[in-house]
N, C-alpha and C. Protein backbone atom coordinates (compact mmCIF):
# COMPACT_ATOMS: atom_id res chain seq x y z
N MET A 1 104.05 102.66 129.14
CA MET A 1 102.87 102.92 129.06
C MET A 1 103.42 104.10 127.52
N ALA A 2 102.98 104.17 126.13
CA ALA A 2 103.04 105.25 125.45
C ALA A 2 101.93 105.90 125.12
N SER A 3 102.01 106.96 123.90
CA SER A 3 101.28 108.07 124.39
C SER A 3 100.81 108.06 122.33
N PHE A 4 100.07 108.10 122.11
CA PHE A 4 100.06 107.76 120.17
C PHE A 4 98.64 109.17 120.09
N SER A 5 98.59 109.98 119.62
CA SER A 5 98.02 111.47 118.74
C SER A 5 97.68 111.02 117.12
N GLY A 6 96.17 111.38 117.30
CA GLY A 6 95.76 110.70 116.19
C GLY A 6 94.27 111.02 115.68
N THR A 7 93.92 110.56 114.80
CA THR A 7 92.44 110.52 114.36
C THR A 7 91.91 108.99 114.34
N VAL A 8 90.54 109.35 115.45
CA VAL A 8 89.70 107.32 114.92
C VAL A 8 89.15 107.51 113.89
N ARG A 9 89.06 106.52 113.46
CA ARG A 9 88.43 105.53 112.19
C ARG A 9 87.97 104.66 111.88
N HIS A 10 86.53 104.52 111.85
CA HIS A 10 85.95 103.11 111.88
C HIS A 10 86.18 102.72 110.61
N ASN A 11 86.95 101.27 110.63
CA ASN A 11 86.90 100.22 109.73
C ASN A 11 85.73 99.03 109.43
N ASP A 12 85.26 99.08 109.09
CA ASP A 12 84.08 98.07 108.22
C ASP A 12 85.03 96.42 108.08
N LEU A 13 85.56 96.48 108.19
CA LEU A 13 86.28 95.02 107.56
C LEU A 13 85.74 93.99 109.06
N GLU A 14 85.04 92.71 108.97
CA GLU A 14 85.28 91.68 109.62
C GLU A 14 84.34 92.10 110.94
N GLY A 15 82.94 92.68 110.35
CA GLY A 15 82.20 93.65 111.89
C GLY A 15 82.32 94.46 112.28
N GLY A 16 83.77 95.44 111.52
CA GLY A 16 83.59 96.44 112.03
C GLY A 16 84.71 96.71 113.56
N PHE A 17 85.51 97.92 113.65
CA PHE A 17 86.28 97.69 114.61
C PHE A 17 86.70 98.86 114.42
N PHE A 18 87.79 99.87 115.34
CA PHE A 18 88.06 101.88 115.68
C PHE A 18 89.35 101.37 115.32
N GLU A 19 90.29 102.18 114.49
CA GLU A 19 91.96 102.65 114.17
C GLU A 19 91.83 103.70 114.49
N LEU A 20 92.88 104.19 115.36
CA LEU A 20 94.05 105.66 114.67
C LEU A 20 94.99 105.85 113.87
N HIS A 21 94.91 106.43 113.60
CA HIS A 21 95.64 106.87 112.21
C HIS A 21 96.29 107.75 112.79
N THR A 22 97.51 107.74 113.65
CA THR A 22 98.30 108.80 113.62
C THR A 22 98.75 110.03 112.85
N ASN A 23 99.27 111.15 113.79
CA ASN A 23 100.05 112.24 113.14
C ASN A 23 101.37 111.81 112.93
N ASP A 24 101.72 111.26 112.87
CA ASP A 24 103.21 110.52 111.94
C ASP A 24 103.08 109.90 111.12
N GLY A 25 101.45 109.19 110.63
CA GLY A 25 101.12 108.29 109.02
C GLY A 25 101.14 106.93 109.91
N ASP A 26 100.59 106.50 110.87
CA ASP A 26 100.76 105.04 111.43
C ASP A 26 99.27 105.00 111.16
N SER A 27 99.11 103.96 111.95
CA SER A 27 97.81 103.46 111.56
C SER A 27 97.86 102.18 112.76
N TYR A 28 97.41 101.65 113.56
CA TYR A 28 96.66 100.90 114.77
C TYR A 28 95.43 100.62 114.72
N ARG A 29 95.15 99.53 115.16
CA ARG A 29 93.97 98.72 115.89
C ARG A 29 93.84 99.37 117.19
N LEU A 30 92.52 99.50 117.60
CA LEU A 30 92.84 100.00 119.06
C LEU A 30 91.56 98.90 119.88
N GLN A 31 92.66 98.45 120.60
CA GLN A 31 91.86 96.87 121.33
C GLN A 31 91.37 97.76 123.08
N GLY A 32 90.24 96.99 123.14
CA GLY A 32 90.03 97.36 124.16
C GLY A 32 89.27 99.34 124.91
N ALA A 33 88.99 99.81 124.01
CA ALA A 33 88.55 100.96 123.74
C ALA A 33 87.75 101.05 123.55
N SER A 34 86.58 101.87 124.61
CA SER A 34 85.15 101.66 124.27
C SER A 34 84.40 103.40 124.66
N GLY A 35 83.73 103.66 123.66
CA GLY A 35 83.07 105.08 123.57
C GLY A 35 83.50 105.87 122.89
N LEU A 36 84.42 105.16 121.63
CA LEU A 36 85.03 105.96 120.60
C LEU A 36 83.98 106.40 119.59
N THR A 37 84.44 107.98 118.85
CA THR A 37 83.43 108.07 117.80
C THR A 37 84.64 108.23 116.63
N ALA A 38 84.22 107.99 114.85
CA ALA A 38 85.09 108.19 113.94
C ALA A 38 85.28 109.54 114.31
N GLY A 39 86.54 110.12 113.46
CA GLY A 39 86.62 110.99 113.49
C GLY A 39 86.86 111.73 114.67
N ALA A 40 87.34 111.68 115.68
CA ALA A 40 87.45 112.53 117.28
C ALA A 40 89.04 112.17 116.95
N LYS A 41 89.45 113.48 117.50
CA LYS A 41 91.00 113.62 117.80
C LYS A 41 91.44 113.61 119.01
N VAL A 42 92.19 112.38 119.35
CA VAL A 42 92.55 111.97 120.73
C VAL A 42 93.65 111.68 121.22
N VAL A 43 94.29 111.33 122.20
CA VAL A 43 95.66 110.68 122.45
C VAL A 43 95.22 109.79 123.11
N VAL A 44 95.68 108.70 122.48
CA VAL A 44 95.66 106.94 123.20
C VAL A 44 96.87 107.23 124.23
N HIS A 45 96.16 106.01 125.28
CA HIS A 45 97.35 105.89 125.80
C HIS A 45 97.33 104.40 125.97
N GLY A 46 98.56 103.65 125.91
CA GLY A 46 98.67 101.92 126.12
C GLY A 46 100.00 101.61 125.41
N THR A 47 99.62 100.37 125.05
CA THR A 47 100.93 99.80 124.49
C THR A 47 100.71 98.78 123.46
N ILE A 48 101.83 98.86 122.85
CA ILE A 48 101.56 98.11 121.15
C ILE A 48 101.76 96.61 121.74
N GLU A 49 100.67 96.11 120.68
CA GLU A 49 100.27 94.38 121.58
C GLU A 49 101.28 93.85 120.05
N SER A 50 102.46 93.02 121.01
CA SER A 50 103.50 92.61 120.25
C SER A 50 102.79 91.04 119.69
N GLY A 51 102.74 90.35 118.67
CA GLY A 51 102.38 89.40 118.26
C GLY A 51 101.86 89.51 117.11
N GLY A 52 102.01 90.35 116.35
CA GLY A 52 101.38 90.42 114.43
C GLY A 52 99.89 90.51 114.41
N PHE A 53 99.56 90.62 113.50
CA PHE A 53 98.27 91.09 113.03
C PHE A 53 97.20 89.72 113.92
N GLY A 54 95.72 90.19 114.53
CA GLY A 54 94.50 90.13 114.53
C GLY A 54 93.94 89.22 113.58
N LEU A 55 92.87 89.06 114.07
CA LEU A 55 91.42 88.54 113.15
C LEU A 55 91.31 89.81 111.76
N GLN A 56 91.39 90.98 111.86
CA GLN A 56 90.87 92.39 111.20
C GLN A 56 92.14 92.70 110.49
N MET A 57 93.29 91.73 110.24
CA MET A 57 94.81 92.31 110.02
C MET A 57 94.59 93.45 109.39
N SER A 58 94.39 94.06 110.31
CA SER A 58 94.72 96.11 110.13
C SER A 58 96.36 96.07 109.90
N GLY A 59 96.95 95.49 110.45
CA GLY A 59 98.58 95.80 111.36
C GLY A 59 98.50 95.85 112.76
N PRO A 60 99.35 96.30 113.54
CA PRO A 60 99.16 96.68 115.16
C PRO A 60 98.63 96.72 115.94
N ALA A 61 98.05 96.55 116.80
CA ALA A 61 97.32 96.89 117.59
C ALA A 61 97.86 97.50 119.02
N ILE A 62 97.33 98.40 119.61
CA ILE A 62 97.26 99.04 121.08
C ILE A 62 96.54 98.64 121.67
N LYS A 63 96.91 98.02 123.39
CA LYS A 63 96.01 97.71 124.14
C LYS A 63 95.87 99.29 124.78
N VAL A 64 94.54 99.65 124.95
CA VAL A 64 94.46 100.79 125.18
C VAL A 64 94.10 101.13 126.55
N ASP A 65 94.85 101.96 127.35
CA ASP A 65 94.55 101.87 128.80
C ASP A 65 94.07 103.33 128.95
N LYS A 66 93.71 104.15 128.33
CA LYS A 66 93.22 105.75 128.76
C LYS A 66 93.35 106.07 126.81
N VAL A 67 91.62 106.43 127.06
CA VAL A 67 91.83 107.84 125.84
C VAL A 67 91.20 108.80 126.30
N GLU A 68 91.69 110.11 125.89
CA GLU A 68 91.58 111.33 126.24
C GLU A 68 91.23 112.26 125.38
N PRO A 69 90.64 113.50 124.74
CA PRO A 69 90.57 114.46 124.31
C PRO A 69 92.04 115.01 123.47
N ALA A 70 92.37 115.29 122.18
CA ALA A 70 93.45 115.68 121.79
C ALA A 70 93.33 116.82 121.69
């Protein structure tokens, strides 16, 4: 399991979903996370899903195990 630090953003595409925009400039869909708020600074613990793009076509996803405030 890896950790990713960044800011949560809401993407309105395909009904809406949350993304993590990391401090390193990467962007990931957040899969399986709940209770998120756009603009929150967080540390996400999880694994990058291999297998390409999902329906949202926004890039790789992190399968979230835990989210904590940064």
